[in-house]
Amino acid sequence: MFVPGDRPDRMEKALHAGADVLILDLEDSVAPNSKSEARAHVAGFLRRKPQETAVLVRINPLHLPFADEDLAVVAETAPDGYVLPKAEGAASVVELQLRLKNRGMPPSHVLPIAETPAAMFRLPEYSSVADRMLGLTWGAEDIAAAMGAAAARGADGRFTTPYETIRTLALLGAHAAGVPAIETVYPAFRDLDGLSESAARAAHDGFTGMLAIHPSQVPVINSAFTPTADAVARARRIVAAFEDNANAGVLNVDGAMVDAPHLKQAQRLLARAEAVSR
């Protein structure tokens, strides 16, 4: 869940929102004349945050001087990683590591955001730096603005064709790199029904999680990405069937034929259910 870096009161409250990870934002949600103040608030929060809470910092894009100013203040407070906006392939991840090294800091994990036209053509590169990545996400609003579009979504709230394509490429890029695929934000934070539909679709399509911009969105997203009891029970039956029939290629489970892809899908669902229960 994103939390504006210039709102320390919201950082404290966000600890209890139920999000898996907090993202303290120094980029879009902070005005240029407030960035210095925001850095100080973020650094202060990181020094006193509970150890069990995962906190990332979204710095400014690397091509802007703000980025080095962000790292100068925040890096020594050792966030759990960085969210990197306007990332364009492996070079962006490598560049961030280099800047940390130049400051005498150890390497850090990164969640790149693919949100420029050029970024879409460099998604396959992330496989080479996957060991330094927390996942991969994309930004609909930023890329729509870069392309001069009226909006990324139509009147029905769904992405129009170009942005549906970009979403698919980001999803495939994450899976090709073997890192979690994180769905972009649903900006209409008061439209929880629309969010529920969007989050359920993301989980259905293979995303691992979803970004949130408001505490009210967190329970809806968590619900969408938590496997149902029926789904878990069926996955267990599939896994058990193959364990009992080790040499079988195809089996009948609940009146349906299942094979190796179904087994892999069931195993992944059970792993996700176990992670959620921790």
C-alpha atoms as a PDB file:
ATOM      1  CA  MET A   1       0.000   0.000   0.000  1.00  0.00           C
ATOM      2  CA  PHE A   2       1.306   3.441  -0.966  1.00  0.00           C
ATOM      3  CA  VAL A   3       1.629   6.049   1.762  1.00  0.00           C
ATOM      4  CA  PRO A   4       2.584   9.664   0.907  1.00  0.00           C
ATOM      5  CA  GLY A   5       6.022  10.468   2.248  1.00  0.00           C
ATOM      6  CA  ASP A   6       4.942  13.857   3.532  1.00  0.00           C
ATOM      7  CA  ARG A   7       2.187  12.371   5.735  1.00  0.00           C
ATOM      8  CA  PRO A   8       3.863  10.788   8.791  1.00  0.00           C
ATOM      9  CA  ASP A   9       0.473  10.474  10.513  1.00  0.00           C
ATOM     10  CA  ARG A  10      -0.672   8.130   7.750  1.00  0.00           C
ATOM     11  CA  MET A  11       2.482   6.026   8.025  1.00  0.00           C
ATOM     12  CA  GLU A  12       1.690   5.076  11.603  1.00  0.00           C
ATOM     13  CA  LYS A  13      -1.921   4.249  10.752  1.00  0.00           C
ATOM     14  CA  ALA A  14      -0.844   2.239   7.707  1.00  0.00           C
ATOM     15  CA  LEU A  15       0.934  -0.239   9.961  1.00  0.00           C
ATOM     16  CA  HIS A  16      -2.501  -1.550  10.956  1.00  0.00           C
ATOM     17  CA  ALA A  17      -4.136  -1.564   7.517  1.00  0.00           C
ATOM     18  CA  GLY A  18      -3.393  -5.219   6.809  1.00  0.00           C
ATOM     19  CA  ALA A  19      -1.139  -4.670   3.801  1.00  0.00           C
ATOM     20  CA  ASP A  20       1.739  -7.097   3.270  1.00  0.00           C
ATOM     21  CA  VAL A  21       4.110  -4.246   2.395  1.00  0.00           C
ATOM     22  CA  LEU A  22       4.051  -0.482   2.905  1.00  0.00           C
ATOM     23  CA  ILE A  23       5.457   1.738   0.155  1.00  0.00           C
ATOM     24  CA  LEU A  24       6.505   5.148   1.436  1.00  0.00           C
ATOM     25  CA  ASP A  25       6.217   7.408  -1.566  1.00  0.00           C
ATOM     26  CA  LEU A  26       8.637  10.191  -2.458  1.00  0.00           C
ATOM     27  CA  GLU A  27       7.466  10.481  -6.060  1.00  0.00           C
ATOM     28  CA  ASP A  28       4.012  11.266  -7.437  1.00  0.00           C
ATOM     29  CA  SER A  29       2.135  11.909  -4.200  1.00  0.00           C
ATOM     30  CA  VAL A  30       4.686  14.478  -2.995  1.00  0.00           C
ATOM     31  CA  ALA A  31       4.897  17.967  -4.506  1.00  0.00           C
ATOM     32  CA  PRO A  32       8.395  19.178  -5.509  1.00  0.00           C
ATOM     33  CA  ASN A  33       8.513  21.771  -2.734  1.00  0.00           C
ATOM     34  CA  SER A  34       7.638  19.104  -0.143  1.00  0.00           C
ATOM     35  CA  LYS A  35      10.164  16.442  -1.132  1.00  0.00           C
ATOM     36  CA  SER A  36      12.860  17.473   1.326  1.00  0.00           C
ATOM     37  CA  GLU A  37      10.376  17.355   4.195  1.00  0.00           C
ATOM     38  CA  ALA A  38       9.033  14.012   2.947  1.00  0.00           C
ATOM     39  CA  ARG A  39      12.515  12.465   2.890  1.00  0.00           C
ATOM     40  CA  ALA A  40      13.038  13.442   6.522  1.00  0.00           C
ATOM     41  CA  HIS A  41       9.681  11.931   7.512  1.00  0.00           C
ATOM     42  CA  VAL A  42      10.408   8.694   5.629  1.00  0.00           C
ATOM     43  CA  ALA A  43      13.878   8.354   7.150  1.00  0.00           C
ATOM     44  CA  GLY A  44      12.491   8.974  10.616  1.00  0.00           C
ATOM     45  CA  PHE A  45       9.772   6.377  10.199  1.00  0.00           C
ATOM     46  CA  LEU A  46      12.243   3.786   8.908  1.00  0.00           C
ATOM     47  CA  ARG A  47      14.453   4.277  11.961  1.00  0.00           C
ATOM     48  CA  ARG A  48      11.618   3.492  14.352  1.00  0.00           C
ATOM     49  CA  LYS A  49       9.395   1.110  12.389  1.00  0.00           C
ATOM     50  CA  PRO A  50       8.661  -2.372  13.796  1.00  0.00           C
ATOM     51  CA  GLN A  51      11.141  -4.909  12.436  1.00  0.00           C
ATOM     52  CA  GLU A  52       8.392  -7.277  11.291  1.00  0.00           C
ATOM     53  CA  THR A  53       6.842  -4.690   8.982  1.00  0.00           C
ATOM     54  CA  ALA A  54       8.151  -4.729   5.397  1.00  0.00           C
ATOM     55  CA  VAL A  55       8.637  -1.172   4.152  1.00  0.00           C
ATOM     56  CA  LEU A  56       9.776  -0.089   0.702  1.00  0.00           C
ATOM     57  CA  VAL A  57      10.511   3.425  -0.513  1.00  0.00           C
ATOM     58  CA  ARG A  58       9.433   4.671  -3.904  1.00  0.00           C
ATOM     59  CA  ILE A  59      12.177   7.041  -4.926  1.00  0.00           C
ATOM     60  CA  ASN A  60      11.944   9.438  -7.836  1.00  0.00           C
ATOM     61  CA  PRO A  61      12.928   8.309 -11.349  1.00  0.00           C
ATOM     62  CA  LEU A  62      16.659   7.837 -11.825  1.00  0.00           C
ATOM     63  CA  HIS A  63      16.864  10.431 -14.584  1.00  0.00           C
ATOM     64  CA  LEU A  64      15.795  13.178 -12.161  1.00  0.00           C
ATOM     65  CA  PRO A  65      18.119  14.793  -9.582  1.00  0.00           C
ATOM     66  CA  PHE A  66      15.490  14.045  -6.931  1.00  0.00           C
ATOM     67  CA  ALA A  67      16.516  10.372  -7.029  1.00  0.00           C
ATOM     68  CA  ASP A  68      20.034  10.967  -5.705  1.00  0.00           C
ATOM     69  CA  GLU A  69      18.651  13.331  -3.114  1.00  0.00           C
ATOM     70  CA  ASP A  70      16.228  10.581  -2.024  1.00  0.00           C
ATOM     71  CA  LEU A  71      19.025   8.036  -1.675  1.00  0.00           C
ATOM     72  CA  ALA A  72      21.260  10.499   0.192  1.00  0.00           C
ATOM     73  CA  VAL A  73      18.690  10.718   2.984  1.00  0.00           C
ATOM     74  CA  VAL A  74      16.948   7.338   2.913  1.00  0.00           C
ATOM     75  CA  ALA A  75      19.594   4.747   2.010  1.00  0.00           C
ATOM     76  CA  GLU A  76      21.304   4.725   5.402  1.00  0.00           C
ATOM     77  CA  THR A  77      18.002   3.908   7.122  1.00  0.00           C
ATOM     78  CA  ALA A  78      17.995   0.555   5.280  1.00  0.00           C
ATOM     79  CA  PRO A  79      14.494   0.161   3.857  1.00  0.00           C
ATOM     80  CA  ASP A  80      13.548  -3.375   2.831  1.00  0.00           C
ATOM     81  CA  GLY A  81      13.823  -2.321  -0.791  1.00  0.00           C
ATOM     82  CA  TYR A  82      12.986   0.332  -3.332  1.00  0.00           C
ATOM     83  CA  VAL A  83      10.141   0.860  -5.750  1.00  0.00           C
ATOM     84  CA  LEU A  84      11.637   2.219  -8.949  1.00  0.00           C
ATOM     85  CA  PRO A  85       9.313   4.335 -11.117  1.00  0.00           C
ATOM     86  CA  LYS A  86       9.888   4.818 -14.850  1.00  0.00           C
ATOM     87  CA  ALA A  87      12.126   1.730 -14.830  1.00  0.00           C
ATOM     88  CA  GLU A  88      13.267   0.617 -18.255  1.00  0.00           C
ATOM     89  CA  GLY A  89      14.676  -2.878 -18.080  1.00  0.00           C
ATOM     90  CA  ALA A  90      17.653  -4.441 -16.341  1.00  0.00           C
ATOM     91  CA  ALA A  91      19.778  -1.321 -16.789  1.00  0.00           C
ATOM     92  CA  SER A  92      17.560   0.591 -14.368  1.00  0.00           C
ATOM     93  CA  VAL A  93      17.958  -2.072 -11.678  1.00  0.00           C
ATOM     94  CA  VAL A  94      21.735  -2.184 -12.224  1.00  0.00           C
ATOM     95  CA  GLU A  95      21.969   1.602 -12.109  1.00  0.00           C
ATOM     96  CA  LEU A  96      20.179   1.765  -8.770  1.00  0.00           C
ATOM     97  CA  GLN A  97      22.536  -0.859  -7.317  1.00  0.00           C
ATOM     98  CA  LEU A  98      25.508   1.142  -8.591  1.00  0.00           C
ATOM     99  CA  ARG A  99      24.266   4.315  -6.956  1.00  0.00           C
ATOM    100  CA  LEU A 100      23.812   2.466  -3.667  1.00  0.00           C
ATOM    101  CA  LYS A 101      27.327   1.012  -3.946  1.00  0.00           C
ATOM    102  CA  ASN A 102      28.756   4.468  -4.592  1.00  0.00           C
ATOM    103  CA  ARG A 103      27.228   5.555  -1.302  1.00  0.00           C
ATOM    104  CA  GLY A 104      28.818   2.636   0.512  1.00  0.00           C
ATOM    105  CA  MET A 105      25.484   0.838   0.833  1.00  0.00           C
ATOM    106  CA  PRO A 106      24.859  -2.862   0.157  1.00  0.00           C
ATOM    107  CA  PRO A 107      22.711  -4.005  -2.785  1.00  0.00           C
ATOM    108  CA  SER A 108      18.969  -3.799  -2.265  1.00  0.00           C
ATOM    109  CA  HIS A 109      15.905  -5.452  -3.708  1.00  0.00           C
ATOM    110  CA  VAL A 110      13.824  -3.523  -6.202  1.00  0.00           C
ATOM    111  CA  LEU A 111      10.244  -3.452  -7.445  1.00  0.00           C
ATOM    112  CA  PRO A 112      10.438  -1.828 -10.903  1.00  0.00           C
ATOM    113  CA  ILE A 113       7.392  -0.095 -12.355  1.00  0.00           C
ATOM    114  CA  ALA A 114       7.040  -0.402 -16.126  1.00  0.00           C
ATOM    115  CA  GLU A 115       5.247   2.795 -17.051  1.00  0.00           C
ATOM    116  CA  THR A 116       6.868   4.235 -20.170  1.00  0.00           C
ATOM    117  CA  PRO A 117       6.520   3.135 -23.801  1.00  0.00           C
ATOM    118  CA  ALA A 118      10.205   2.147 -23.910  1.00  0.00           C
ATOM    119  CA  ALA A 119       9.787  -0.020 -20.807  1.00  0.00           C
ATOM    120  CA  MET A 120       7.455  -2.367 -22.661  1.00  0.00           C
ATOM    121  CA  PHE A 121      10.202  -3.357 -25.091  1.00  0.00           C
ATOM    122  CA  ARG A 122      12.667  -4.152 -22.309  1.00  0.00           C
ATOM    123  CA  LEU A 123      10.571  -6.447 -20.135  1.00  0.00           C
ATOM    124  CA  PRO A 124      12.461  -9.616 -21.183  1.00  0.00           C
ATOM    125  CA  GLU A 125      15.665  -8.136 -19.735  1.00  0.00           C
ATOM    126  CA  TYR A 126      14.470  -8.506 -16.160  1.00  0.00           C
ATOM    127  CA  SER A 127      15.357 -12.207 -16.146  1.00  0.00           C
ATOM    128  CA  SER A 128      19.012 -11.183 -15.897  1.00  0.00           C
ATOM    129  CA  VAL A 129      18.486  -9.230 -12.653  1.00  0.00           C
ATOM    130  CA  ALA A 130      15.676 -11.275 -11.115  1.00  0.00           C
ATOM    131  CA  ASP A 131      17.765 -12.048  -8.037  1.00  0.00           C
ATOM    132  CA  ARG A 132      17.598  -8.369  -7.089  1.00  0.00           C
ATOM    133  CA  MET A 133      13.866  -7.978  -7.791  1.00  0.00           C
ATOM    134  CA  LEU A 134      10.919  -8.149  -5.413  1.00  0.00           C
ATOM    135  CA  GLY A 135       8.518  -8.389  -8.325  1.00  0.00           C
ATOM    136  CA  LEU A 136       7.390  -6.388 -11.320  1.00  0.00           C
ATOM    137  CA  THR A 137       4.462  -4.024 -11.673  1.00  0.00           C
ATOM    138  CA  TRP A 138       3.201  -1.472 -14.170  1.00  0.00           C
ATOM    139  CA  GLY A 139       1.604   1.973 -14.135  1.00  0.00           C
ATOM    140  CA  ALA A 140      -1.472   2.615 -16.250  1.00  0.00           C
ATOM    141  CA  GLU A 141      -1.879   6.311 -15.517  1.00  0.00           C
ATOM    142  CA  ASP A 142       1.721   7.270 -16.197  1.00  0.00           C
ATOM    143  CA  ILE A 143       1.983   5.428 -19.474  1.00  0.00           C
ATOM    144  CA  ALA A 144      -1.361   6.809 -20.621  1.00  0.00           C
ATOM    145  CA  ALA A 145      -0.079  10.320 -19.886  1.00  0.00           C
ATOM    146  CA  ALA A 146       3.164   9.585 -21.734  1.00  0.00           C
ATOM    147  CA  MET A 147       1.170   8.489 -24.775  1.00  0.00           C
ATOM    148  CA  GLY A 148      -1.180  11.466 -24.711  1.00  0.00           C
ATOM    149  CA  ALA A 149      -4.226   9.269 -24.074  1.00  0.00           C
ATOM    150  CA  ALA A 150      -7.420  10.617 -22.541  1.00  0.00           C
ATOM    151  CA  ALA A 151      -7.387   7.723 -20.056  1.00  0.00           C
ATOM    152  CA  ALA A 152      -6.217   4.141 -19.708  1.00  0.00           C
ATOM    153  CA  ARG A 153      -9.714   2.935 -18.860  1.00  0.00           C
ATOM    154  CA  GLY A 154     -13.006   3.190 -20.657  1.00  0.00           C
ATOM    155  CA  ALA A 155     -16.313   4.319 -19.193  1.00  0.00           C
ATOM    156  CA  ASP A 156     -16.884   0.802 -17.832  1.00  0.00           C
ATOM    157  CA  GLY A 157     -13.701   1.010 -15.750  1.00  0.00           C
ATOM    158  CA  ARG A 158     -11.847  -1.609 -17.776  1.00  0.00           C
ATOM    159  CA  PHE A 159      -8.605  -0.974 -19.599  1.00  0.00           C
ATOM    160  CA  THR A 160      -8.890  -0.078 -23.270  1.00  0.00           C
ATOM    161  CA  THR A 161      -7.055  -2.227 -25.798  1.00  0.00           C
ATOM    162  CA  PRO A 162      -3.588  -0.591 -25.691  1.00  0.00           C
ATOM    163  CA  TYR A 163      -3.456  -0.709 -21.901  1.00  0.00           C
ATOM    164  CA  GLU A 164      -4.850  -4.225 -21.737  1.00  0.00           C
ATOM    165  CA  THR A 165      -1.950  -5.202 -23.983  1.00  0.00           C
ATOM    166  CA  ILE A 166       0.535  -3.423 -21.713  1.00  0.00           C
ATOM    167  CA  ARG A 167      -0.970  -5.151 -18.682  1.00  0.00           C
ATOM    168  CA  THR A 168      -0.536  -8.519 -20.369  1.00  0.00           C
ATOM    169  CA  LEU A 169       3.067  -7.774 -21.285  1.00  0.00           C
ATOM    170  CA  ALA A 170       3.875  -6.802 -17.700  1.00  0.00           C
ATOM    171  CA  LEU A 171       2.247  -9.994 -16.433  1.00  0.00           C
ATOM    172  CA  LEU A 172       4.237 -12.103 -18.890  1.00  0.00           C
ATOM    173  CA  GLY A 173       7.444 -10.196 -18.139  1.00  0.00           C
ATOM    174  CA  ALA A 174       7.155 -10.941 -14.431  1.00  0.00           C
ATOM    175  CA  HIS A 175       6.520 -14.631 -14.974  1.00  0.00           C
ATOM    176  CA  ALA A 176       9.325 -14.871 -17.522  1.00  0.00           C
ATOM    177  CA  ALA A 177      11.694 -13.444 -14.896  1.00  0.00           C
ATOM    178  CA  GLY A 178      10.253 -15.714 -12.211  1.00  0.00           C
ATOM    179  CA  VAL A 179       9.248 -12.843  -9.924  1.00  0.00           C
ATOM    180  CA  PRO A 180       5.841 -11.877  -8.469  1.00  0.00           C
ATOM    181  CA  ALA A 181       3.530 -10.071 -10.888  1.00  0.00           C
ATOM    182  CA  ILE A 182       1.868  -7.142  -9.126  1.00  0.00           C
ATOM    183  CA  GLU A 183      -1.248  -5.562 -10.618  1.00  0.00           C
ATOM    184  CA  THR A 184      -1.359  -1.779 -10.863  1.00  0.00           C
ATOM    185  CA  VAL A 185      -3.510   0.453  -8.671  1.00  0.00           C
ATOM    186  CA  TYR A 186      -7.253   0.917  -8.984  1.00  0.00           C
ATOM    187  CA  PRO A 187      -7.421   4.715  -8.654  1.00  0.00           C
ATOM    188  CA  ALA A 188     -11.137   5.100  -7.828  1.00  0.00           C
ATOM    189  CA  PHE A 189     -10.556   4.253  -4.167  1.00  0.00           C
ATOM    190  CA  ARG A 190     -14.190   4.791  -3.158  1.00  0.00           C
ATOM    191  CA  ASP A 191     -15.415   2.307  -5.787  1.00  0.00           C
ATOM    192  CA  LEU A 192     -14.884  -0.870  -3.794  1.00  0.00           C
ATOM    193  CA  ASP A 193     -17.150  -2.908  -6.067  1.00  0.00           C
ATOM    194  CA  GLY A 194     -15.063  -1.935  -9.065  1.00  0.00           C
ATOM    195  CA  LEU A 195     -11.912  -2.707  -7.108  1.00  0.00           C
ATOM    196  CA  SER A 196     -13.274  -6.118  -6.140  1.00  0.00           C
ATOM    197  CA  GLU A 197     -13.914  -6.967  -9.784  1.00  0.00           C
ATOM    198  CA  SER A 198     -10.490  -5.686 -10.834  1.00  0.00           C
ATOM    199  CA  ALA A 199      -8.642  -7.553  -8.078  1.00  0.00           C
ATOM    200  CA  ALA A 200     -10.529 -10.787  -8.733  1.00  0.00           C
ATOM    201  CA  ARG A 201      -9.668 -10.535 -12.412  1.00  0.00           C
ATOM    202  CA  ALA A 202      -6.011  -9.918 -11.577  1.00  0.00           C
ATOM    203  CA  ALA A 203      -5.882 -12.996  -9.357  1.00  0.00           C
ATOM    204  CA  HIS A 204      -7.655 -15.028 -12.038  1.00  0.00           C
ATOM    205  CA  ASP A 205      -5.171 -13.925 -14.710  1.00  0.00           C
ATOM    206  CA  GLY A 206      -2.049 -14.838 -12.742  1.00  0.00           C
ATOM    207  CA  PHE A 207      -1.053 -11.720 -10.829  1.00  0.00           C
ATOM    208  CA  THR A 208       0.363 -12.421  -7.371  1.00  0.00           C
ATOM    209  CA  GLY A 209      -0.863  -9.270  -5.698  1.00  0.00           C
ATOM    210  CA  MET A 210      -2.065  -5.726  -6.296  1.00  0.00           C
ATOM    211  CA  LEU A 211      -1.037  -2.218  -5.341  1.00  0.00           C
ATOM    212  CA  ALA A 212      -3.318  -0.183  -3.070  1.00  0.00           C
ATOM    213  CA  ILE A 213      -3.551   3.571  -2.575  1.00  0.00           C
ATOM    214  CA  HIS A 214      -5.978   3.668   0.369  1.00  0.00           C
ATOM    215  CA  PRO A 215      -6.476   1.546   3.517  1.00  0.00           C
ATOM    216  CA  SER A 216     -10.072   0.754   2.506  1.00  0.00           C
ATOM    217  CA  GLN A 217      -8.729  -1.092  -0.534  1.00  0.00           C
ATOM    218  CA  VAL A 218      -6.549  -3.497   1.416  1.00  0.00           C
ATOM    219  CA  PRO A 219      -9.237  -5.907   2.716  1.00  0.00           C
ATOM    220  CA  VAL A 220     -10.813  -6.114  -0.745  1.00  0.00           C
ATOM    221  CA  ILE A 221      -7.484  -6.932  -2.377  1.00  0.00           C
ATOM    222  CA  ASN A 222      -6.528  -9.419   0.331  1.00  0.00           C
ATOM    223  CA  SER A 223      -9.837 -11.199  -0.129  1.00  0.00           C
ATOM    224  CA  ALA A 224      -9.382 -11.459  -3.890  1.00  0.00           C
ATOM    225  CA  PHE A 225      -5.902 -12.981  -3.587  1.00  0.00           C
ATOM    226  CA  THR A 226      -6.735 -15.371  -0.744  1.00  0.00           C
ATOM    227  CA  PRO A 227      -7.696 -18.812  -2.128  1.00  0.00           C
ATOM    228  CA  THR A 228     -11.174 -19.904  -1.115  1.00  0.00           C
ATOM    229  CA  ALA A 229     -11.686 -22.949   1.083  1.00  0.00           C
ATOM    230  CA  ASP A 230     -13.254 -24.813  -1.854  1.00  0.00           C
ATOM    231  CA  ALA A 231     -10.284 -24.002  -4.105  1.00  0.00           C
ATOM    232  CA  VAL A 232      -7.824 -25.158  -1.445  1.00  0.00           C
ATOM    233  CA  ALA A 233      -9.748 -28.383  -0.876  1.00  0.00           C
ATOM    234  CA  ARG A 234      -9.810 -29.177  -4.600  1.00  0.00           C
ATOM    235  CA  ALA A 235      -6.099 -28.393  -4.933  1.00  0.00           C
ATOM    236  CA  ARG A 236      -5.363 -30.806  -2.101  1.00  0.00           C
ATOM    237  CA  ARG A 237      -7.393 -33.507  -3.812  1.00  0.00           C
ATOM    238  CA  ILE A 238      -5.438 -33.019  -7.031  1.00  0.00           C
ATOM    239  CA  VAL A 239      -2.083 -33.170  -5.253  1.00  0.00           C
ATOM    240  CA  ALA A 240      -3.161 -36.219  -3.248  1.00  0.00           C
ATOM    241  CA  ALA A 241      -4.375 -37.996  -6.373  1.00  0.00           C
ATOM    242  CA  PHE A 242      -0.991 -37.634  -8.059  1.00  0.00           C
ATOM    243  CA  GLU A 243       0.828 -38.675  -4.889  1.00  0.00           C
ATOM    244  CA  ASP A 244      -1.281 -41.844  -4.818  1.00  0.00           C
ATOM    245  CA  ASN A 245      -0.709 -42.490  -8.529  1.00  0.00           C
ATOM    246  CA  ALA A 246       2.901 -41.485  -9.072  1.00  0.00           C
ATOM    247  CA  ASN A 247       3.152 -43.026 -12.545  1.00  0.00           C
ATOM    248  CA  ALA A 248      -0.095 -41.585 -13.909  1.00  0.00           C
ATOM    249  CA  GLY A 249      -0.055 -38.804 -16.489  1.00  0.00           C
ATOM    250  CA  VAL A 250      -3.776 -38.064 -16.395  1.00  0.00           C
ATOM    251  CA  LEU A 251      -6.234 -38.606 -13.557  1.00  0.00           C
ATOM    252  CA  ASN A 252      -9.925 -38.117 -12.849  1.00  0.00           C
ATOM    253  CA  VAL A 253     -10.534 -35.717  -9.960  1.00  0.00           C
ATOM    254  CA  ASP A 254     -14.073 -34.599  -9.129  1.00  0.00           C
ATOM    255  CA  GLY A 255     -15.280 -35.836 -12.509  1.00  0.00           C
ATOM    256  CA  ALA A 256     -12.740 -33.829 -14.505  1.00  0.00           C
ATOM    257  CA  MET A 257      -9.530 -34.923 -16.192  1.00  0.00           C
ATOM    258  CA  VAL A 258      -6.400 -33.366 -14.706  1.00  0.00           C
ATOM    259  CA  ASP A 259      -2.765 -33.624 -15.810  1.00  0.00           C
ATOM    260  CA  ALA A 260       0.642 -32.059 -15.104  1.00  0.00           C
ATOM    261  CA  PRO A 261      -0.399 -28.401 -15.619  1.00  0.00           C
ATOM    262  CA  HIS A 262      -3.312 -28.871 -13.214  1.00  0.00           C
ATOM    263  CA  LEU A 263      -0.946 -30.385 -10.644  1.00  0.00           C
ATOM    264  CA  LYS A 264       1.432 -27.434 -10.935  1.00  0.00           C
ATOM    265  CA  GLN A 265      -1.463 -24.999 -10.617  1.00  0.00           C
ATOM    266  CA  ALA A 266      -2.738 -26.830  -7.525  1.00  0.00           C
ATOM    267  CA  GLN A 267       0.700 -26.787  -5.908  1.00  0.00           C
ATOM    268  CA  ARG A 268       1.062 -23.061  -6.507  1.00  0.00           C
ATOM    269  CA  LEU A 269      -2.382 -22.375  -5.060  1.00  0.00           C
ATOM    270  CA  LEU A 270      -1.547 -24.353  -1.924  1.00  0.00           C
ATOM    271  CA  ALA A 271       1.741 -22.487  -1.559  1.00  0.00           C
ATOM    272  CA  ARG A 272      -0.119 -19.182  -1.804  1.00  0.00           C
ATOM    273  CA  ALA A 273      -2.714 -20.326   0.724  1.00  0.00           C
ATOM    274  CA  GLU A 274       0.048 -21.318   3.147  1.00  0.00           C
ATOM    275  CA  ALA A 275       1.783 -17.949   2.713  1.00  0.00           C
ATOM    276  CA  VAL A 276      -1.459 -16.082   3.383  1.00  0.00           C
ATOM    277  CA  SER A 277      -2.088 -18.055   6.576  1.00  0.00           C
ATOM    278  CA  ARG A 278       1.254 -17.091   8.147  1.00  0.00           C
END
